[in-house]
Amino acid sequence: MRIFLLFLISAVAFGQNLKTDWQKENLKGKVKSVESVAYRYVGNEGKKEPMSNFNTEEKYNDKGFKVSGRRFTNEGKTSVSWRYFYDDKNYLTKVEILNDKNQVEESLKYIYELDPQKEEILGYDGSGKLTGKQIASYNEKGNKISELSLTADGAFLLRQEIIYDAKNNILEKRFEDKEGKKVLLKYVYDNKNNIVEENYYGEEDQLYGQKIFSYKYDAKGNWIQRTERIYDVERVVTERKIEYF
């Protein structure tokens, strides 16, 4: 399963705890679309460089669920797009990933179990061949607490465990791959529940990376500019255009 597929997979809450994508992405108001464009500033001169691979657009329906998205170049050309499918209870059932010719290259199929609360995600290539799968477990609040990534044959690739705070913000993510390598991510939030600090730890929980975030907001309280600093050496600025219903 390609890394791009992993990027698309988002947490799904179960039963009465079903969350909209507005809630999962901390969006306020009835958001219709979010367009994100990223720039990088490197070195003391602070030269601005566009980051084409990070330009995205997501569209939502009036119930708060994603309906489609795309990556686009600095010239505005779509390089990859995707679309979401739901059942009559608003559970995500399938995601299709399309190339720049609007042909389906990959797809994800979602299968749910309510007792215990589990989710299985199957990845397929354009010919319908199984390429990999993920199995996730959820707590009573509908938050994902663990996830296994497997090959199409069921071989172990990656394990993830997640811890939340009282506001259901992710505090920690622990990863372990098939070679036993472990990574820990820890998060700090502001009073708007946006991440302001992300810390990376390796073996024996030794800190080896840190990102600091700051934001500018619109009148609805959604951020429209995020500045990401990496050891004060590199600075990435993401600008968002948000359209409302």
C-alpha atoms as a PDB file:
ATOM      1  CA  MET A   1       0.000   0.000   0.000  1.00  0.00           C
ATOM      2  CA  ARG A   2       1.513   3.304  -1.034  1.00  0.00           C
ATOM      3  CA  ILE A   3       2.340   6.049   1.452  1.00  0.00           C
ATOM      4  CA  PHE A   4      -0.226   8.200  -0.299  1.00  0.00           C
ATOM      5  CA  LEU A   5      -2.951   5.817   0.787  1.00  0.00           C
ATOM      6  CA  LEU A   6      -1.826   6.121   4.384  1.00  0.00           C
ATOM      7  CA  PHE A   7      -2.112   9.884   4.085  1.00  0.00           C
ATOM      8  CA  LEU A   8      -5.778   9.573   3.172  1.00  0.00           C
ATOM      9  CA  ILE A   9      -6.797   7.308   6.018  1.00  0.00           C
ATOM     10  CA  SER A  10      -8.486   9.245   8.810  1.00  0.00           C
ATOM     11  CA  ALA A  11      -9.938   8.150  12.127  1.00  0.00           C
ATOM     12  CA  VAL A  12     -13.589   7.108  12.032  1.00  0.00           C
ATOM     13  CA  ALA A  13     -15.633   7.240  15.230  1.00  0.00           C
ATOM     14  CA  PHE A  14     -18.316   4.635  15.838  1.00  0.00           C
ATOM     15  CA  GLY A  15     -21.981   4.590  16.824  1.00  0.00           C
ATOM     16  CA  GLN A  16     -23.295   7.681  18.550  1.00  0.00           C
ATOM     17  CA  ASN A  17     -19.735   9.032  18.574  1.00  0.00           C
ATOM     18  CA  LEU A  18     -19.536   9.315  14.775  1.00  0.00           C
ATOM     19  CA  LYS A  19     -17.559  12.486  14.082  1.00  0.00           C
ATOM     20  CA  THR A  20     -17.731  14.697  11.027  1.00  0.00           C
ATOM     21  CA  ASP A  21     -14.573  15.655   9.185  1.00  0.00           C
ATOM     22  CA  TRP A  22     -15.161  19.206  10.432  1.00  0.00           C
ATOM     23  CA  GLN A  23     -14.808  17.873  13.988  1.00  0.00           C
ATOM     24  CA  LYS A  24     -11.854  15.608  13.248  1.00  0.00           C
ATOM     25  CA  GLU A  25      -9.971  18.456  11.560  1.00  0.00           C
ATOM     26  CA  ASN A  26     -10.924  21.072  14.158  1.00  0.00           C
ATOM     27  CA  LEU A  27     -12.842  23.198  11.644  1.00  0.00           C
ATOM     28  CA  LYS A  28     -15.367  25.729  12.900  1.00  0.00           C
ATOM     29  CA  GLY A  29     -18.523  26.676  11.032  1.00  0.00           C
ATOM     30  CA  LYS A  30     -19.994  25.082   7.897  1.00  0.00           C
ATOM     31  CA  VAL A  31     -16.842  24.688   5.825  1.00  0.00           C
ATOM     32  CA  LYS A  32     -17.367  23.975   2.126  1.00  0.00           C
ATOM     33  CA  SER A  33     -13.732  23.705   0.999  1.00  0.00           C
ATOM     34  CA  VAL A  34     -10.159  24.177   2.216  1.00  0.00           C
ATOM     35  CA  GLU A  35      -7.327  24.977  -0.185  1.00  0.00           C
ATOM     36  CA  SER A  36      -3.790  24.743   1.236  1.00  0.00           C
ATOM     37  CA  VAL A  37      -0.585  26.060  -0.349  1.00  0.00           C
ATOM     38  CA  ALA A  38       2.827  25.609   1.312  1.00  0.00           C
ATOM     39  CA  TYR A  39       6.083  27.560   1.063  1.00  0.00           C
ATOM     40  CA  ARG A  40       9.515  26.854   2.492  1.00  0.00           C
ATOM     41  CA  TYR A  41      12.031  29.390   3.775  1.00  0.00           C
ATOM     42  CA  VAL A  42      15.556  28.006   4.061  1.00  0.00           C
ATOM     43  CA  GLY A  43      18.738  29.431   5.588  1.00  0.00           C
ATOM     44  CA  ASN A  44      19.579  32.862   6.938  1.00  0.00           C
ATOM     45  CA  GLU A  45      18.520  34.583   3.722  1.00  0.00           C
ATOM     46  CA  GLY A  46      15.026  33.162   4.076  1.00  0.00           C
ATOM     47  CA  LYS A  47      14.585  32.464   0.375  1.00  0.00           C
ATOM     48  CA  LYS A  48      10.979  31.516  -0.371  1.00  0.00           C
ATOM     49  CA  GLU A  49      10.497  28.230  -2.220  1.00  0.00           C
ATOM     50  CA  PRO A  50       7.105  26.775  -3.226  1.00  0.00           C
ATOM     51  CA  MET A  51       6.357  23.202  -2.135  1.00  0.00           C
ATOM     52  CA  SER A  52       4.212  21.875  -4.952  1.00  0.00           C
ATOM     53  CA  ASN A  53       3.699  18.405  -3.439  1.00  0.00           C
ATOM     54  CA  PHE A  54       1.952  19.994  -0.445  1.00  0.00           C
ATOM     55  CA  ASN A  55      -0.699  21.959  -2.365  1.00  0.00           C
ATOM     56  CA  THR A  56      -4.083  20.375  -1.617  1.00  0.00           C
ATOM     57  CA  GLU A  57      -7.802  21.082  -1.783  1.00  0.00           C
ATOM     58  CA  GLU A  58     -10.522  19.278   0.175  1.00  0.00           C
ATOM     59  CA  LYS A  59     -14.270  19.679  -0.405  1.00  0.00           C
ATOM     60  CA  TYR A  60     -17.017  18.878   2.128  1.00  0.00           C
ATOM     61  CA  ASN A  61     -20.770  18.345   1.973  1.00  0.00           C
ATOM     62  CA  ASP A  62     -23.177  20.349   4.134  1.00  0.00           C
ATOM     63  CA  LYS A  63     -23.126  17.572   6.770  1.00  0.00           C
ATOM     64  CA  GLY A  64     -19.409  18.059   7.351  1.00  0.00           C
ATOM     65  CA  PHE A  65     -18.029  15.009   5.528  1.00  0.00           C
ATOM     66  CA  LYS A  66     -15.370  15.091   2.818  1.00  0.00           C
ATOM     67  CA  VAL A  67     -16.563  14.385  -0.713  1.00  0.00           C
ATOM     68  CA  SER A  68     -13.415  14.931  -2.798  1.00  0.00           C
ATOM     69  CA  GLY A  69      -9.876  16.252  -2.751  1.00  0.00           C
ATOM     70  CA  ARG A  70      -6.821  16.810  -4.906  1.00  0.00           C
ATOM     71  CA  ARG A  71      -3.137  17.662  -5.025  1.00  0.00           C
ATOM     72  CA  PHE A  72      -2.157  20.354  -7.499  1.00  0.00           C
ATOM     73  CA  THR A  73       0.965  21.965  -8.919  1.00  0.00           C
ATOM     74  CA  ASN A  74       2.029  25.575  -8.439  1.00  0.00           C
ATOM     75  CA  GLU A  75       0.368  26.251 -11.797  1.00  0.00           C
ATOM     76  CA  GLY A  76      -2.926  24.860 -10.482  1.00  0.00           C
ATOM     77  CA  LYS A  77      -2.878  21.594 -12.457  1.00  0.00           C
ATOM     78  CA  THR A  78      -4.286  18.553 -10.654  1.00  0.00           C
ATOM     79  CA  SER A  79      -1.667  15.826 -10.238  1.00  0.00           C
ATOM     80  CA  VAL A  80      -3.668  13.393  -8.073  1.00  0.00           C
ATOM     81  CA  SER A  81      -7.277  13.475  -6.901  1.00  0.00           C
ATOM     82  CA  TRP A  82      -9.483  11.379  -4.636  1.00  0.00           C
ATOM     83  CA  ARG A  83     -13.159  10.925  -3.828  1.00  0.00           C
ATOM     84  CA  TYR A  84     -15.029   9.572  -0.816  1.00  0.00           C
ATOM     85  CA  PHE A  85     -18.042   7.240  -0.621  1.00  0.00           C
ATOM     86  CA  TYR A  86     -20.375   6.723   2.373  1.00  0.00           C
ATOM     87  CA  ASP A  87     -23.250   4.504   3.438  1.00  0.00           C
ATOM     88  CA  ASP A  88     -26.644   5.846   4.531  1.00  0.00           C
ATOM     89  CA  LYS A  89     -25.331   6.295   8.105  1.00  0.00           C
ATOM     90  CA  ASN A  90     -22.405   8.456   6.952  1.00  0.00           C
ATOM     91  CA  TYR A  91     -19.780   5.767   7.545  1.00  0.00           C
ATOM     92  CA  LEU A  92     -16.907   5.972   5.080  1.00  0.00           C
ATOM     93  CA  THR A  93     -16.974   2.864   2.859  1.00  0.00           C
ATOM     94  CA  LYS A  94     -14.515   3.610   0.060  1.00  0.00           C
ATOM     95  CA  VAL A  95     -11.892   6.079  -1.153  1.00  0.00           C
ATOM     96  CA  GLU A  96     -10.775   6.141  -4.783  1.00  0.00           C
ATOM     97  CA  ILE A  97      -7.448   7.706  -5.824  1.00  0.00           C
ATOM     98  CA  LEU A  98      -7.218   8.958  -9.406  1.00  0.00           C
ATOM     99  CA  ASN A  99      -4.240   9.996 -11.551  1.00  0.00           C
ATOM    100  CA  ASP A 100      -3.950  13.163 -13.628  1.00  0.00           C
ATOM    101  CA  LYS A 101      -5.934  11.444 -16.410  1.00  0.00           C
ATOM    102  CA  ASN A 102      -8.839  10.864 -14.006  1.00  0.00           C
ATOM    103  CA  GLN A 103      -8.234   7.101 -13.974  1.00  0.00           C
ATOM    104  CA  VAL A 104      -8.540   5.112 -10.735  1.00  0.00           C
ATOM    105  CA  GLU A 105      -5.045   4.018  -9.675  1.00  0.00           C
ATOM    106  CA  GLU A 106      -5.755   2.855  -6.143  1.00  0.00           C
ATOM    107  CA  SER A 107      -8.689   2.416  -3.791  1.00  0.00           C
ATOM    108  CA  LEU A 108      -9.428   1.827  -0.122  1.00  0.00           C
ATOM    109  CA  LYS A 109     -12.315  -0.247   1.195  1.00  0.00           C
ATOM    110  CA  TYR A 110     -13.512   0.193   4.810  1.00  0.00           C
ATOM    111  CA  ILE A 111     -15.095  -2.605   6.869  1.00  0.00           C
ATOM    112  CA  TYR A 112     -16.415  -2.045  10.419  1.00  0.00           C
ATOM    113  CA  GLU A 113     -17.126  -4.180  13.478  1.00  0.00           C
ATOM    114  CA  LEU A 114     -19.139  -2.614  16.305  1.00  0.00           C
ATOM    115  CA  ASP A 115     -18.388  -5.126  19.073  1.00  0.00           C
ATOM    116  CA  PRO A 116     -15.512  -4.789  19.674  1.00  0.00           C
ATOM    117  CA  GLN A 117     -15.096  -1.513  17.803  1.00  0.00           C
ATOM    118  CA  LYS A 118     -12.726  -2.313  14.973  1.00  0.00           C
ATOM    119  CA  GLU A 119     -12.054  -1.087  11.466  1.00  0.00           C
ATOM    120  CA  GLU A 120     -10.335  -2.879   8.603  1.00  0.00           C
ATOM    121  CA  ILE A 121      -9.032  -0.940   5.605  1.00  0.00           C
ATOM    122  CA  LEU A 122      -8.134  -2.863   2.456  1.00  0.00           C
ATOM    123  CA  GLY A 123      -5.934  -1.263  -0.209  1.00  0.00           C
ATOM    124  CA  TYR A 124      -6.178  -2.196  -3.900  1.00  0.00           C
ATOM    125  CA  ASP A 125      -4.335  -1.162  -7.045  1.00  0.00           C
ATOM    126  CA  GLY A 126      -6.048  -0.094 -10.259  1.00  0.00           C
ATOM    127  CA  SER A 127      -6.554  -3.685 -11.397  1.00  0.00           C
ATOM    128  CA  GLY A 128      -8.296  -4.635  -8.150  1.00  0.00           C
ATOM    129  CA  LYS A 129      -5.340  -6.529  -6.671  1.00  0.00           C
ATOM    130  CA  LEU A 130      -5.014  -6.359  -2.886  1.00  0.00           C
ATOM    131  CA  THR A 131      -1.861  -4.404  -1.944  1.00  0.00           C
ATOM    132  CA  GLY A 132      -2.128  -4.183   1.847  1.00  0.00           C
ATOM    133  CA  LYS A 133      -4.405  -3.632   4.807  1.00  0.00           C
ATOM    134  CA  GLN A 134      -4.737  -1.883   8.141  1.00  0.00           C
ATOM    135  CA  ILE A 135      -6.635  -3.007  11.235  1.00  0.00           C
ATOM    136  CA  ALA A 136      -7.591  -0.368  13.807  1.00  0.00           C
ATOM    137  CA  SER A 137      -9.204  -0.553  17.269  1.00  0.00           C
ATOM    138  CA  TYR A 138     -11.202   2.192  18.996  1.00  0.00           C
ATOM    139  CA  ASN A 139     -12.109   3.138  22.563  1.00  0.00           C
ATOM    140  CA  GLU A 140     -15.571   3.867  23.978  1.00  0.00           C
ATOM    141  CA  LYS A 141     -15.314   7.505  22.830  1.00  0.00           C
ATOM    142  CA  GLY A 142     -14.782   6.412  19.244  1.00  0.00           C
ATOM    143  CA  ASN A 143     -11.104   7.411  19.142  1.00  0.00           C
ATOM    144  CA  LYS A 144      -8.575   5.222  17.363  1.00  0.00           C
ATOM    145  CA  ILE A 145      -6.213   3.733  19.970  1.00  0.00           C
ATOM    146  CA  SER A 146      -4.202   1.226  17.919  1.00  0.00           C
ATOM    147  CA  GLU A 147      -3.493   0.321  14.327  1.00  0.00           C
ATOM    148  CA  LEU A 148      -1.678  -2.495  12.524  1.00  0.00           C
ATOM    149  CA  SER A 149      -0.347  -2.137   8.970  1.00  0.00           C
ATOM    150  CA  LEU A 150       0.034  -5.434   7.105  1.00  0.00           C
ATOM    151  CA  THR A 151       1.057  -6.632   3.664  1.00  0.00           C
ATOM    152  CA  ALA A 152      -1.469  -8.257   1.353  1.00  0.00           C
ATOM    153  CA  ASP A 153      -0.272 -11.616   2.708  1.00  0.00           C
ATOM    154  CA  GLY A 154      -0.814 -10.510   6.300  1.00  0.00           C
ATOM    155  CA  ALA A 155       2.849  -9.937   7.193  1.00  0.00           C
ATOM    156  CA  PHE A 156       3.468  -7.294   9.865  1.00  0.00           C
ATOM    157  CA  LEU A 157       4.752  -3.887   8.706  1.00  0.00           C
ATOM    158  CA  LEU A 158       3.960  -1.300  11.365  1.00  0.00           C
ATOM    159  CA  ARG A 159       2.189  -0.967  14.717  1.00  0.00           C
ATOM    160  CA  GLN A 160       0.809   2.308  16.078  1.00  0.00           C
ATOM    161  CA  GLU A 161      -0.622   3.119  19.538  1.00  0.00           C
ATOM    162  CA  ILE A 162      -2.356   6.423  20.336  1.00  0.00           C
ATOM    163  CA  ILE A 163      -3.062   8.230  23.645  1.00  0.00           C
ATOM    164  CA  TYR A 164      -5.540  11.131  24.020  1.00  0.00           C
ATOM    165  CA  ASP A 165      -6.133  13.968  26.469  1.00  0.00           C
ATOM    166  CA  ALA A 166      -9.476  14.879  28.086  1.00  0.00           C
ATOM    167  CA  LYS A 167     -10.395  16.968  25.014  1.00  0.00           C
ATOM    168  CA  ASN A 168      -9.780  14.006  22.688  1.00  0.00           C
ATOM    169  CA  ASN A 169      -6.633  15.610  21.290  1.00  0.00           C
ATOM    170  CA  ILE A 170      -3.837  13.180  20.445  1.00  0.00           C
ATOM    171  CA  LEU A 171      -1.108  13.403  23.083  1.00  0.00           C
ATOM    172  CA  GLU A 172       1.169  10.582  21.949  1.00  0.00           C
ATOM    173  CA  LYS A 173       1.695   8.269  19.011  1.00  0.00           C
ATOM    174  CA  ARG A 174       4.005   5.275  19.367  1.00  0.00           C
ATOM    175  CA  PHE A 175       5.247   3.411  16.299  1.00  0.00           C
ATOM    176  CA  GLU A 176       7.142   0.150  15.903  1.00  0.00           C
ATOM    177  CA  ASP A 177       8.107  -1.281  12.517  1.00  0.00           C
ATOM    178  CA  LYS A 178       8.866  -4.848  11.419  1.00  0.00           C
ATOM    179  CA  GLU A 179      12.545  -4.403  12.289  1.00  0.00           C
ATOM    180  CA  GLY A 180      11.742  -3.341  15.844  1.00  0.00           C
ATOM    181  CA  LYS A 181      12.579   0.334  15.316  1.00  0.00           C
ATOM    182  CA  LYS A 182      10.511   2.535  17.646  1.00  0.00           C
ATOM    183  CA  VAL A 183       9.432   6.164  17.278  1.00  0.00           C
ATOM    184  CA  LEU A 184       7.431   8.291  19.715  1.00  0.00           C
ATOM    185  CA  LEU A 185       5.600  11.509  18.770  1.00  0.00           C
ATOM    186  CA  LYS A 186       4.316  13.880  21.480  1.00  0.00           C
ATOM    187  CA  TYR A 187       2.010  16.860  20.906  1.00  0.00           C
ATOM    188  CA  VAL A 188       1.199  20.126  22.689  1.00  0.00           C
ATOM    189  CA  TYR A 189      -1.923  22.176  21.861  1.00  0.00           C
ATOM    190  CA  ASP A 190      -3.101  25.772  22.184  1.00  0.00           C
ATOM    191  CA  ASN A 191      -6.484  26.833  23.593  1.00  0.00           C
ATOM    192  CA  LYS A 192      -8.026  26.383  20.127  1.00  0.00           C
ATOM    193  CA  ASN A 193      -6.959  22.713  20.040  1.00  0.00           C
ATOM    194  CA  ASN A 194      -4.377  23.280  17.310  1.00  0.00           C
ATOM    195  CA  ILE A 195      -0.949  21.651  17.565  1.00  0.00           C
ATOM    196  CA  VAL A 196       1.756  24.110  18.653  1.00  0.00           C
ATOM    197  CA  GLU A 197       4.552  21.625  19.356  1.00  0.00           C
ATOM    198  CA  GLU A 198       5.452  18.239  17.903  1.00  0.00           C
ATOM    199  CA  ASN A 199       8.375  16.312  19.406  1.00  0.00           C
ATOM    200  CA  TYR A 200      10.057  13.241  17.900  1.00  0.00           C
ATOM    201  CA  TYR A 201      11.735  10.623  20.080  1.00  0.00           C
ATOM    202  CA  GLY A 202      13.795   7.616  19.035  1.00  0.00           C
ATOM    203  CA  GLU A 203      15.124   4.653  20.955  1.00  0.00           C
ATOM    204  CA  GLU A 204      14.979   5.022  24.752  1.00  0.00           C
ATOM    205  CA  ASP A 205      12.710   8.052  24.220  1.00  0.00           C
ATOM    206  CA  GLN A 206      15.626  10.299  23.242  1.00  0.00           C
ATOM    207  CA  LEU A 207      14.516  13.568  21.614  1.00  0.00           C
ATOM    208  CA  TYR A 208      15.843  13.885  18.069  1.00  0.00           C
ATOM    209  CA  GLY A 209      13.436  16.303  16.361  1.00  0.00           C
ATOM    210  CA  GLN A 210      11.016  19.117  17.104  1.00  0.00           C
ATOM    211  CA  LYS A 211       8.541  21.269  15.208  1.00  0.00           C
ATOM    212  CA  ILE A 212       6.997  24.470  16.576  1.00  0.00           C
ATOM    213  CA  PHE A 213       3.769  25.847  15.080  1.00  0.00           C
ATOM    214  CA  SER A 214       2.098  29.268  15.219  1.00  0.00           C
ATOM    215  CA  TYR A 215      -1.141  30.394  13.577  1.00  0.00           C
ATOM    216  CA  LYS A 216      -3.203  33.245  12.168  1.00  0.00           C
ATOM    217  CA  TYR A 217      -6.990  32.874  12.221  1.00  0.00           C
ATOM    218  CA  ASP A 218     -10.063  34.033  10.327  1.00  0.00           C
ATOM    219  CA  ALA A 219     -13.235  35.427  11.909  1.00  0.00           C
ATOM    220  CA  LYS A 220     -14.631  31.890  12.413  1.00  0.00           C
ATOM    221  CA  GLY A 221     -11.595  30.801  14.435  1.00  0.00           C
ATOM    222  CA  ASN A 222     -10.088  28.578  11.731  1.00  0.00           C
ATOM    223  CA  TRP A 223      -6.415  29.029  10.979  1.00  0.00           C
ATOM    224  CA  ILE A 224      -5.591  30.526   7.601  1.00  0.00           C
ATOM    225  CA  GLN A 225      -1.816  30.636   8.037  1.00  0.00           C
ATOM    226  CA  ARG A 226       0.411  28.188   9.874  1.00  0.00           C
ATOM    227  CA  THR A 227       4.118  28.716  10.407  1.00  0.00           C
ATOM    228  CA  GLU A 228       6.160  25.594  11.120  1.00  0.00           C
ATOM    229  CA  ARG A 229       9.685  25.963  12.474  1.00  0.00           C
ATOM    230  CA  ILE A 230      12.154  23.099  12.492  1.00  0.00           C
ATOM    231  CA  TYR A 231      15.059  23.878  14.834  1.00  0.00           C
ATOM    232  CA  ASP A 232      14.886  27.487  13.531  1.00  0.00           C
ATOM    233  CA  VAL A 233      16.782  26.249  10.464  1.00  0.00           C
ATOM    234  CA  GLU A 234      13.857  25.695   8.150  1.00  0.00           C
ATOM    235  CA  ARG A 235      10.528  27.468   8.155  1.00  0.00           C
ATOM    236  CA  VAL A 236       7.428  26.192   6.345  1.00  0.00           C
ATOM    237  CA  VAL A 237       4.392  28.448   5.923  1.00  0.00           C
ATOM    238  CA  THR A 238       1.051  26.955   4.902  1.00  0.00           C
ATOM    239  CA  GLU A 239      -1.701  29.311   3.748  1.00  0.00           C
ATOM    240  CA  ARG A 240      -5.328  28.191   3.638  1.00  0.00           C
ATOM    241  CA  LYS A 241      -8.285  29.582   1.728  1.00  0.00           C
ATOM    242  CA  ILE A 242     -11.491  28.473   3.434  1.00  0.00           C
ATOM    243  CA  GLU A 243     -14.894  28.690   1.749  1.00  0.00           C
ATOM    244  CA  TYR A 244     -18.107  28.391   3.782  1.00  0.00           C
ATOM    245  CA  PHE A 245     -21.660  27.342   2.945  1.00  0.00           C
END
